[in-house]
Amino acid sequence: DVHFLDTVKGSDWGADQEVARMFVEAAPIEMRRLAHWGVPWNRVV
């Protein structure tokens, strides 16, 4: 939800908000999928 607000504000309300909602919901899943495939993300210490 916070990511969605940032994205739409950042777009100056030019974005398709349905697409923005799809994107922000899927992004966390995709980052973890990339980690599973082998991306060496920096990690919390």
All heavy atoms as atom14 arrays in JSON, in Angstrom:
{
  "sequence": "DVHFLDTVKGSDWGADQEVARMFVEAAPIEMRRLAHWGVPWNRVV",
  "atom14_mask": [
    [1, 1, 1, 1, 1, 1, 1, 1, 0, 0, 0, 0, 0, 0],
    [1, 1, 1, 1, 1, 1, 1, 0, 0, 0, 0, 0, 0, 0],
    [1, 1, 1, 1, 1, 1, 1, 1, 1, 1, 0, 0, 0, 0],
    [1, 1, 1, 1, 1, 1, 1, 1, 1, 1, 1, 0, 0, 0],
    [1, 1, 1, 1, 1, 1, 1, 1, 0, 0, 0, 0, 0, 0],
    [1, 1, 1, 1, 1, 1, 1, 1, 0, 0, 0, 0, 0, 0],
    [1, 1, 1, 1, 1, 1, 1, 0, 0, 0, 0, 0, 0, 0],
    [1, 1, 1, 1, 1, 1, 1, 0, 0, 0, 0, 0, 0, 0],
    [1, 1, 1, 1, 1, 1, 1, 1, 1, 0, 0, 0, 0, 0],
    [1, 1, 1, 1, 0, 0, 0, 0, 0, 0, 0, 0, 0, 0],
    [1, 1, 1, 1, 1, 1, 0, 0, 0, 0, 0, 0, 0, 0],
    [1, 1, 1, 1, 1, 1, 1, 1, 0, 0, 0, 0, 0, 0],
    [1, 1, 1, 1, 1, 1, 1, 1, 1, 1, 1, 1, 1, 1],
    [1, 1, 1, 1, 0, 0, 0, 0, 0, 0, 0, 0, 0, 0],
    [1, 1, 1, 1, 1, 0, 0, 0, 0, 0, 0, 0, 0, 0],
    [1, 1, 1, 1, 1, 1, 1, 1, 0, 0, 0, 0, 0, 0],
    [1, 1, 1, 1, 1, 1, 1, 1, 1, 0, 0, 0, 0, 0],
    [1, 1, 1, 1, 1, 1, 1, 1, 1, 0, 0, 0, 0, 0],
    [1, 1, 1, 1, 1, 1, 1, 0, 0, 0, 0, 0, 0, 0],
    [1, 1, 1, 1, 1, 0, 0, 0, 0, 0, 0, 0, 0, 0],
    [1, 1, 1, 1, 1, 1, 1, 1, 1, 1, 1, 0, 0, 0],
    [1, 1, 1, 1, 1, 1, 1, 1, 0, 0, 0, 0, 0, 0],
    [1, 1, 1, 1, 1, 1, 1, 1, 1, 1, 1, 0, 0, 0],
    [1, 1, 1, 1, 1, 1, 1, 0, 0, 0, 0, 0, 0, 0],
    [1, 1, 1, 1, 1, 1, 1, 1, 1, 0, 0, 0, 0, 0],
    [1, 1, 1, 1, 1, 0, 0, 0, 0, 0, 0, 0, 0, 0],
    [1, 1, 1, 1, 1, 0, 0, 0, 0, 0, 0, 0, 0, 0],
    [1, 1, 1, 1, 1, 1, 1, 0, 0, 0, 0, 0, 0, 0],
    [1, 1, 1, 1, 1, 1, 1, 1, 0, 0, 0, 0, 0, 0],
    [1, 1, 1, 1, 1, 1, 1, 1, 1, 0, 0, 0, 0, 0],
    [1, 1, 1, 1, 1, 1, 1, 1, 0, 0, 0, 0, 0, 0],
    [1, 1, 1, 1, 1, 1, 1, 1, 1, 1, 1, 0, 0, 0],
    [1, 1, 1, 1, 1, 1, 1, 1, 1, 1, 1, 0, 0, 0],
    [1, 1, 1, 1, 1, 1, 1, 1, 0, 0, 0, 0, 0, 0],
    [1, 1, 1, 1, 1, 0, 0, 0, 0, 0, 0, 0, 0, 0],
    [1, 1, 1, 1, 1, 1, 1, 1, 1, 1, 0, 0, 0, 0],
    [1, 1, 1, 1, 1, 1, 1, 1, 1, 1, 1, 1, 1, 1],
    [1, 1, 1, 1, 0, 0, 0, 0, 0, 0, 0, 0, 0, 0],
    [1, 1, 1, 1, 1, 1, 1, 0, 0, 0, 0, 0, 0, 0],
    [1, 1, 1, 1, 1, 1, 1, 0, 0, 0, 0, 0, 0, 0],
    [1, 1, 1, 1, 1, 1, 1, 1, 1, 1, 1, 1, 1, 1],
    [1, 1, 1, 1, 1, 1, 1, 1, 0, 0, 0, 0, 0, 0],
    [1, 1, 1, 1, 1, 1, 1, 1, 1, 1, 1, 0, 0, 0],
    [1, 1, 1, 1, 1, 1, 1, 0, 0, 0, 0, 0, 0, 0],
    [1, 1, 1, 1, 1, 1, 1, 0, 0, 0, 0, 0, 0, 0]
  ],
  "atom14_positions": [
    [[0.83, -1.21, 0.0], [0.0, 0.0, 0.0], [0.87, 1.26, 0.0], [0.59, 2.22, -0.73], [-0.93, 0.03, 1.22], [-2.03, -1.01, 1.15], [-2.32, -1.47, 0.04], [-2.58, -1.36, 2.21], [0.0, 0.0, 0.0], [0.0, 0.0, 0.0], [0.0, 0.0, 0.0], [0.0, 0.0, 0.0], [0.0, 0.0, 0.0], [0.0, 0.0, 0.0]],
    [[1.91, 1.28, 0.82], [2.8, 2.44, 0.88], [3.57, 2.57, -0.43], [3.75, 3.68, -0.96], [3.77, 2.33, 2.07], [4.69, 3.54, 2.14], [3.01, 2.17, 3.38], [0.0, 0.0, 0.0], [0.0, 0.0, 0.0], [0.0, 0.0, 0.0], [0.0, 0.0, 0.0], [0.0, 0.0, 0.0], [0.0, 0.0, 0.0], [0.0, 0.0, 0.0]],
    [[4.01, 1.45, -0.97], [4.71, 1.44, -2.26], [3.79, 1.97, -3.36], [4.21, 2.75, -4.23], [5.18, 0.02, -2.6], [6.11, -0.07, -3.77], [6.58, -1.28, -4.24], [6.65, 0.88, -4.58], [7.36, -1.06, -5.27], [7.42, 0.24, -5.51], [0.0, 0.0, 0.0], [0.0, 0.0, 0.0], [0.0, 0.0, 0.0], [0.0, 0.0, 0.0]],
    [[2.53, 1.59, -3.33], [1.55, 2.07, -4.3], [1.41, 3.59, -4.22], [1.43, 4.28, -5.25], [0.2, 1.39, -4.04], [-0.93, 1.91, -4.89], [-1.15, 1.38, -6.16], [-1.78, 2.9, -4.43], [-2.2, 1.86, -6.95], [-2.82, 3.37, -5.2], [-3.03, 2.85, -6.47], [0.0, 0.0, 0.0], [0.0, 0.0, 0.0], [0.0, 0.0, 0.0]],
    [[1.29, 4.12, -3.01], [1.16, 5.57, -2.84], [2.37, 6.3, -3.4], [2.24, 7.3, -4.11], [0.97, 5.91, -1.36], [-0.3, 5.43, -0.67], [-0.28, 5.8, 0.8], [-1.54, 6.0, -1.34], [0.0, 0.0, 0.0], [0.0, 0.0, 0.0], [0.0, 0.0, 0.0], [0.0, 0.0, 0.0], [0.0, 0.0, 0.0], [0.0, 0.0, 0.0]],
    [[3.57, 5.79, -3.09], [4.79, 6.42, -3.59], [4.83, 6.4, -5.11], [5.22, 7.38, -5.75], [6.02, 5.69, -3.05], [6.28, 5.96, -1.57], [5.72, 6.94, -1.04], [7.04, 5.19, -0.96], [0.0, 0.0, 0.0], [0.0, 0.0, 0.0], [0.0, 0.0, 0.0], [0.0, 0.0, 0.0], [0.0, 0.0, 0.0], [0.0, 0.0, 0.0]],
    [[4.43, 5.27, -5.71], [4.5, 5.11, -7.16], [3.54, 6.05, -7.88], [3.91, 6.71, -8.87], [4.22, 3.65, -7.55], [5.23, 2.81, -6.98], [4.2, 3.46, -9.06], [0.0, 0.0, 0.0], [0.0, 0.0, 0.0], [0.0, 0.0, 0.0], [0.0, 0.0, 0.0], [0.0, 0.0, 0.0], [0.0, 0.0, 0.0], [0.0, 0.0, 0.0]],
    [[2.31, 6.14, -7.41], [1.32, 6.99, -8.06], [1.68, 8.46, -7.88], [1.58, 9.27, -8.82], [-0.1, 6.69, -7.53], [-1.12, 7.66, -8.11], [-0.49, 5.25, -7.87], [0.0, 0.0, 0.0], [0.0, 0.0, 0.0], [0.0, 0.0, 0.0], [0.0, 0.0, 0.0], [0.0, 0.0, 0.0], [0.0, 0.0, 0.0], [0.0, 0.0, 0.0]],
    [[2.11, 8.83, -6.67], [2.57, 10.22, -6.46], [3.77, 10.52, -7.34], [3.88, 11.58, -7.94], [2.92, 10.43, -4.99], [1.72, 10.48, -4.05], [2.19, 10.66, -2.6], [1.01, 10.69, -1.64], [1.46, 10.83, -0.23], [0.0, 0.0, 0.0], [0.0, 0.0, 0.0], [0.0, 0.0, 0.0], [0.0, 0.0, 0.0], [0.0, 0.0, 0.0]],
    [[4.71, 9.57, -7.4], [5.9, 9.76, -8.22], [5.56, 9.98, -9.68], [6.21, 10.75, -10.37], [0.0, 0.0, 0.0], [0.0, 0.0, 0.0], [0.0, 0.0, 0.0], [0.0, 0.0, 0.0], [0.0, 0.0, 0.0], [0.0, 0.0, 0.0], [0.0, 0.0, 0.0], [0.0, 0.0, 0.0], [0.0, 0.0, 0.0], [0.0, 0.0, 0.0]],
    [[4.52, 9.3, -10.16], [4.1, 9.42, -11.55], [3.37, 10.73, -11.83], [3.03, 11.01, -12.97], [3.17, 8.26, -11.92], [1.86, 8.46, -11.41], [0.0, 0.0, 0.0], [0.0, 0.0, 0.0], [0.0, 0.0, 0.0], [0.0, 0.0, 0.0], [0.0, 0.0, 0.0], [0.0, 0.0, 0.0], [0.0, 0.0, 0.0], [0.0, 0.0, 0.0]],
    [[3.15, 11.52, -10.77], [2.35, 12.75, -10.84], [0.94, 12.43, -11.35], [0.36, 13.17, -12.13], [3.02, 13.82, -11.71], [2.93, 15.22, -11.09], [2.24, 15.39, -10.08], [3.57, 16.15, -11.63], [0.0, 0.0, 0.0], [0.0, 0.0, 0.0], [0.0, 0.0, 0.0], [0.0, 0.0, 0.0], [0.0, 0.0, 0.0], [0.0, 0.0, 0.0]],
    [[0.44, 11.32, -10.88], [-0.91, 10.82, -11.19], [-1.09, 10.54, -12.68], [-2.19, 10.53, -13.19], [-1.99, 11.77, -10.67], [-2.31, 11.49, -9.24], [-3.28, 10.65, -8.76], [-1.65, 12.0, -8.08], [-3.25, 10.6, -7.39], [-2.27, 11.43, -6.94], [-0.59, 12.88, -7.88], [-1.88, 11.71, -5.63], [-0.18, 13.16, -6.59], [-0.82, 12.58, -5.48]],
    [[0.03, 10.21, -13.35], [-0.08, 9.82, -14.76], [-0.14, 8.33, -14.96], [-0.39, 7.85, -16.06], [0.0, 0.0, 0.0], [0.0, 0.0, 0.0], [0.0, 0.0, 0.0], [0.0, 0.0, 0.0], [0.0, 0.0, 0.0], [0.0, 0.0, 0.0], [0.0, 0.0, 0.0], [0.0, 0.0, 0.0], [0.0, 0.0, 0.0], [0.0, 0.0, 0.0]],
    [[0.08, 7.55, -13.87], [0.16, 6.09, -13.99], [-1.22, 5.47, -14.09], [-2.22, 6.03, -13.63], [0.9, 5.51, -12.8], [0.0, 0.0, 0.0], [0.0, 0.0, 0.0], [0.0, 0.0, 0.0], [0.0, 0.0, 0.0], [0.0, 0.0, 0.0], [0.0, 0.0, 0.0], [0.0, 0.0, 0.0], [0.0, 0.0, 0.0], [0.0, 0.0, 0.0]],
    [[-1.27, 4.27, -14.66], [-2.46, 3.43, -14.6], [-2.46, 2.76, -13.22], [-1.61, 1.93, -12.93], [-2.42, 2.37, -15.71], [-3.69, 1.53, -15.78], [-4.23, 1.17, -14.71], [-4.15, 1.24, -16.89], [0.0, 0.0, 0.0], [0.0, 0.0, 0.0], [0.0, 0.0, 0.0], [0.0, 0.0, 0.0], [0.0, 0.0, 0.0], [0.0, 0.0, 0.0]],
    [[-3.39, 3.15, -12.38], [-3.35, 2.7, -10.98], [-3.62, 1.2, -10.84], [-3.17, 0.57, -9.88], [-4.32, 3.52, -10.14], [-3.91, 4.98, -10.03], [-4.7, 5.75, -9.0], [-5.2, 5.21, -8.0], [-4.81, 7.07, -9.21], [0.0, 0.0, 0.0], [0.0, 0.0, 0.0], [0.0, 0.0, 0.0], [0.0, 0.0, 0.0], [0.0, 0.0, 0.0]],
    [[-4.34, 0.6, -11.77], [-4.54, -0.85, -11.72], [-3.22, -1.56, -11.95], [-2.9, -2.55, -11.27], [-5.58, -1.28, -12.75], [-5.92, -2.77, -12.67], [-7.04, -3.17, -13.6], [-7.44, -2.35, -14.46], [-7.52, -4.31, -13.47], [0.0, 0.0, 0.0], [0.0, 0.0, 0.0], [0.0, 0.0, 0.0], [0.0, 0.0, 0.0], [0.0, 0.0, 0.0]],
    [[-2.44, -1.08, -12.9], [-1.11, -1.65, -13.16], [-0.2, -1.44, -11.96], [0.54, -2.34, -11.55], [-0.51, -1.03, -14.44], [0.97, -1.37, -14.57], [-1.27, -1.52, -15.66], [0.0, 0.0, 0.0], [0.0, 0.0, 0.0], [0.0, 0.0, 0.0], [0.0, 0.0, 0.0], [0.0, 0.0, 0.0], [0.0, 0.0, 0.0], [0.0, 0.0, 0.0]],
    [[-0.25, -0.24, -11.37], [0.58, 0.04, -10.2], [0.25, -0.91, -9.05], [1.15, -1.4, -8.35], [0.4, 1.49, -9.75], [0.0, 0.0, 0.0], [0.0, 0.0, 0.0], [0.0, 0.0, 0.0], [0.0, 0.0, 0.0], [0.0, 0.0, 0.0], [0.0, 0.0, 0.0], [0.0, 0.0, 0.0], [0.0, 0.0, 0.0], [0.0, 0.0, 0.0]],
    [[-1.02, -1.19, -8.86], [-1.43, -2.12, -7.79], [-0.92, -3.53, -8.08], [-0.39, -4.21, -7.19], [-2.95, -2.1, -7.66], [-3.54, -3.1, -6.68], [-2.9, -3.06, -5.31], [-3.2, -1.85, -4.56], [-2.72, -1.61, -3.33], [-1.89, -2.47, -2.74], [-3.03, -0.49, -2.7], [0.0, 0.0, 0.0], [0.0, 0.0, 0.0], [0.0, 0.0, 0.0]],
    [[-1.05, -3.99, -9.32], [-0.52, -5.31, -9.69], [0.97, -5.38, -9.42], [1.48, -6.37, -8.87], [-0.78, -5.57, -11.19], [-2.23, -5.79, -11.58], [-2.46, -5.69, -13.39], [-1.22, -6.81, -13.98], [0.0, 0.0, 0.0], [0.0, 0.0, 0.0], [0.0, 0.0, 0.0], [0.0, 0.0, 0.0], [0.0, 0.0, 0.0], [0.0, 0.0, 0.0]],
    [[1.68, -4.32, -9.78], [3.13, -4.3, -9.65], [3.57, -4.38, -8.19], [4.43, -5.2, -7.83], [3.67, -3.02, -10.31], [5.09, -2.71, -9.97], [6.13, -3.43, -10.54], [5.42, -1.68, -9.09], [7.46, -3.14, -10.24], [6.73, -1.38, -8.78], [7.75, -2.12, -9.35], [0.0, 0.0, 0.0], [0.0, 0.0, 0.0], [0.0, 0.0, 0.0]],
    [[3.01, -3.54, -7.33], [3.49, -3.5, -5.94], [3.16, -4.79, -5.2], [3.9, -5.18, -4.29], [2.92, -2.28, -5.19], [3.34, -0.99, -5.87], [1.4, -2.33, -5.04], [0.0, 0.0, 0.0], [0.0, 0.0, 0.0], [0.0, 0.0, 0.0], [0.0, 0.0, 0.0], [0.0, 0.0, 0.0], [0.0, 0.0, 0.0], [0.0, 0.0, 0.0]],
    [[2.07, -5.46, -5.57], [1.73, -6.73, -4.91], [2.66, -7.85, -5.34], [2.98, -8.75, -4.57], [0.27, -7.1, -5.22], [-0.77, -6.13, -4.7], [-0.91, -6.15, -3.18], [-0.4, -7.11, -2.54], [-1.53, -5.22, -2.62], [0.0, 0.0, 0.0], [0.0, 0.0, 0.0], [0.0, 0.0, 0.0], [0.0, 0.0, 0.0], [0.0, 0.0, 0.0]],
    [[3.1, -7.81, -6.61], [3.93, -8.89, -7.14], [5.42, -8.71, -6.86], [6.17, -9.68, -6.85], [3.71, -9.02, -8.65], [0.0, 0.0, 0.0], [0.0, 0.0, 0.0], [0.0, 0.0, 0.0], [0.0, 0.0, 0.0], [0.0, 0.0, 0.0], [0.0, 0.0, 0.0], [0.0, 0.0, 0.0], [0.0, 0.0, 0.0], [0.0, 0.0, 0.0]],
    [[5.86, -7.45, -6.63], [7.29, -7.18, -6.5], [7.97, -7.96, -5.37], [9.07, -8.53, -5.59], [7.53, -5.68, -6.33], [0.0, 0.0, 0.0], [0.0, 0.0, 0.0], [0.0, 0.0, 0.0], [0.0, 0.0, 0.0], [0.0, 0.0, 0.0], [0.0, 0.0, 0.0], [0.0, 0.0, 0.0], [0.0, 0.0, 0.0], [0.0, 0.0, 0.0]],
    [[7.41, -8.03, -4.16], [8.09, -8.8, -3.1], [8.27, -10.28, -3.46], [9.3, -10.89, -3.14], [7.17, -8.63, -1.89], [6.42, -7.37, -2.15], [6.2, -7.35, -3.63], [0.0, 0.0, 0.0], [0.0, 0.0, 0.0], [0.0, 0.0, 0.0], [0.0, 0.0, 0.0], [0.0, 0.0, 0.0], [0.0, 0.0, 0.0], [0.0, 0.0, 0.0]],
    [[7.28, -10.84, -4.13], [7.36, -12.25, -4.55], [8.51, -12.42, -5.54], [9.3, -13.37, -5.45], [6.03, -12.7, -5.17], [4.9, -12.56, -4.15], [6.12, -14.13, -5.7], [3.5, -12.74, -4.74], [0.0, 0.0, 0.0], [0.0, 0.0, 0.0], [0.0, 0.0, 0.0], [0.0, 0.0, 0.0], [0.0, 0.0, 0.0], [0.0, 0.0, 0.0]],
    [[8.6, -11.48, -6.47], [9.62, -11.59, -7.51], [11.03, -11.44, -6.94], [11.96, -12.12, -7.39], [9.37, -10.54, -8.59], [10.02, -10.85, -9.92], [9.45, -12.08, -10.61], [8.22, -12.31, -10.53], [10.24, -12.84, -11.21], [0.0, 0.0, 0.0], [0.0, 0.0, 0.0], [0.0, 0.0, 0.0], [0.0, 0.0, 0.0], [0.0, 0.0, 0.0]],
    [[11.21, -10.57, -5.95], [12.54, -10.42, -5.35], [12.99, -11.72, -4.68], [14.16, -12.12, -4.78], [12.56, -9.28, -4.33], [12.27, -7.9, -4.89], [13.24, -7.41, -6.33], [11.96, -7.46, -7.61], [0.0, 0.0, 0.0], [0.0, 0.0, 0.0], [0.0, 0.0, 0.0], [0.0, 0.0, 0.0], [0.0, 0.0, 0.0], [0.0, 0.0, 0.0]],
    [[12.07, -12.36, -4.02], [12.41, -13.63, -3.35], [12.65, -14.73, -4.39], [13.51, -15.59, -4.2], [11.3, -14.03, -2.38], [11.14, -13.03, -1.21], [10.1, -13.5, -0.21], [9.96, -12.55, 0.89], [8.94, -11.69, 1.02], [7.97, -11.68, 0.13], [8.88, -10.86, 2.04], [0.0, 0.0, 0.0], [0.0, 0.0, 0.0], [0.0, 0.0, 0.0]],
    [[11.91, -14.68, -5.49], [12.13, -15.66, -6.56], [13.54, -15.48, -7.15], [14.24, -16.45, -7.41], [11.07, -15.48, -7.66], [11.04, -16.64, -8.68], [10.28, -16.29, -9.94], [9.08, -15.53, -9.72], [7.86, -16.04, -9.52], [7.71, -17.35, -9.48], [6.82, -15.23, -9.36], [0.0, 0.0, 0.0], [0.0, 0.0, 0.0], [0.0, 0.0, 0.0]],
    [[13.94, -14.22, -7.34], [15.28, -13.96, -7.86], [16.35, -14.47, -6.91], [17.38, -15.01, -7.34], [15.46, -12.45, -8.11], [14.64, -11.86, -9.26], [14.8, -10.34, -9.29], [15.03, -12.46, -10.61], [0.0, 0.0, 0.0], [0.0, 0.0, 0.0], [0.0, 0.0, 0.0], [0.0, 0.0, 0.0], [0.0, 0.0, 0.0], [0.0, 0.0, 0.0]],
    [[16.11, -14.31, -5.61], [17.06, -14.84, -4.63], [17.15, -16.36, -4.75], [18.24, -16.94, -4.71], [16.63, -14.44, -3.22], [0.0, 0.0, 0.0], [0.0, 0.0, 0.0], [0.0, 0.0, 0.0], [0.0, 0.0, 0.0], [0.0, 0.0, 0.0], [0.0, 0.0, 0.0], [0.0, 0.0, 0.0], [0.0, 0.0, 0.0], [0.0, 0.0, 0.0]],
    [[16.01, -17.0, -4.95], [15.98, -18.45, -5.1], [16.74, -18.89, -6.35], [17.4, -19.94, -6.36], [14.52, -18.93, -5.18], [14.37, -20.4, -5.44], [14.72, -21.37, -4.52], [13.9, -21.07, -6.52], [14.48, -22.57, -5.01], [13.98, -22.42, -6.23], [0.0, 0.0, 0.0], [0.0, 0.0, 0.0], [0.0, 0.0, 0.0], [0.0, 0.0, 0.0]],
    [[16.67, -18.08, -7.41], [17.38, -18.38, -8.64], [18.87, -18.09, -8.54], [19.64, -18.5, -9.41], [16.79, -17.61, -9.81], [15.45, -18.13, -10.26], [14.84, -19.29, -9.88], [14.56, -17.5, -11.21], [13.62, -19.43, -10.51], [13.42, -18.35, -11.33], [14.59, -16.33, -11.94], [12.35, -18.05, -12.17], [13.53, -16.02, -12.78], [12.42, -16.88, -12.9]],
    [[19.28, -17.32, -7.52], [20.71, -17.12, -7.32], [21.21, -15.69, -7.25], [22.42, -15.47, -7.19], [0.0, 0.0, 0.0], [0.0, 0.0, 0.0], [0.0, 0.0, 0.0], [0.0, 0.0, 0.0], [0.0, 0.0, 0.0], [0.0, 0.0, 0.0], [0.0, 0.0, 0.0], [0.0, 0.0, 0.0], [0.0, 0.0, 0.0], [0.0, 0.0, 0.0]],
    [[20.32, -14.69, -7.24], [20.78, -13.3, -7.16], [21.37, -13.04, -5.78], [20.7, -13.28, -4.76], [19.63, -12.32, -7.45], [20.07, -10.88, -7.17], [19.16, -12.45, -8.89], [0.0, 0.0, 0.0], [0.0, 0.0, 0.0], [0.0, 0.0, 0.0], [0.0, 0.0, 0.0], [0.0, 0.0, 0.0], [0.0, 0.0, 0.0], [0.0, 0.0, 0.0]],
    [[22.59, -12.54, -5.7], [23.25, -12.32, -4.4], [22.89, -10.97, -3.79], [23.72, -10.07, -3.68], [24.74, -12.39, -4.76], [24.79, -11.84, -6.15], [23.52, -12.28, -6.83], [0.0, 0.0, 0.0], [0.0, 0.0, 0.0], [0.0, 0.0, 0.0], [0.0, 0.0, 0.0], [0.0, 0.0, 0.0], [0.0, 0.0, 0.0], [0.0, 0.0, 0.0]],
    [[21.64, -10.82, -3.37], [21.22, -9.57, -2.73], [22.05, -9.27, -1.48], [22.44, -10.2, -0.76], [19.75, -9.64, -2.31], [18.73, -9.81, -3.38], [17.85, -10.84, -3.52], [18.44, -8.9, -4.46], [17.03, -10.64, -4.62], [17.38, -9.45, -5.21], [18.97, -7.67, -4.85], [16.84, -8.82, -6.33], [18.45, -7.05, -5.97], [17.39, -7.62, -6.69]],
    [[22.3, -8.01, -1.23], [22.86, -7.64, 0.08], [21.86, -8.01, 1.17], [20.65, -7.89, 0.97], [23.14, -6.13, 0.14], [24.43, -5.77, -0.55], [24.58, -5.98, -1.76], [25.37, -5.21, 0.19], [0.0, 0.0, 0.0], [0.0, 0.0, 0.0], [0.0, 0.0, 0.0], [0.0, 0.0, 0.0], [0.0, 0.0, 0.0], [0.0, 0.0, 0.0]],
    [[22.37, -8.43, 2.31], [21.5, -8.97, 3.37], [21.61, -8.15, 4.65], [22.63, -7.51, 4.93], [21.9, -10.43, 3.67], [21.79, -11.36, 2.46], [20.37, -11.72, 2.14], [20.22, -12.52, 0.93], [19.17, -13.3, 0.69], [18.18, -13.37, 1.58], [19.1, -13.98, -0.43], [0.0, 0.0, 0.0], [0.0, 0.0, 0.0], [0.0, 0.0, 0.0]],
    [[20.55, -8.17, 5.43], [20.52, -7.49, 6.72], [21.51, -8.17, 7.67], [21.57, -9.4, 7.75], [19.1, -7.54, 7.33], [19.11, -6.97, 8.75], [18.11, -6.78, 6.44], [0.0, 0.0, 0.0], [0.0, 0.0, 0.0], [0.0, 0.0, 0.0], [0.0, 0.0, 0.0], [0.0, 0.0, 0.0], [0.0, 0.0, 0.0], [0.0, 0.0, 0.0]],
    [[22.29, -7.37, 8.36], [23.18, -7.86, 9.41], [22.68, -7.29, 10.73], [22.63, -6.07, 10.91], [24.64, -7.44, 9.16], [25.53, -7.9, 10.31], [25.14, -8.0, 7.82], [0.0, 0.0, 0.0], [0.0, 0.0, 0.0], [0.0, 0.0, 0.0], [0.0, 0.0, 0.0], [0.0, 0.0, 0.0], [0.0, 0.0, 0.0], [0.0, 0.0, 0.0]]
  ]
}
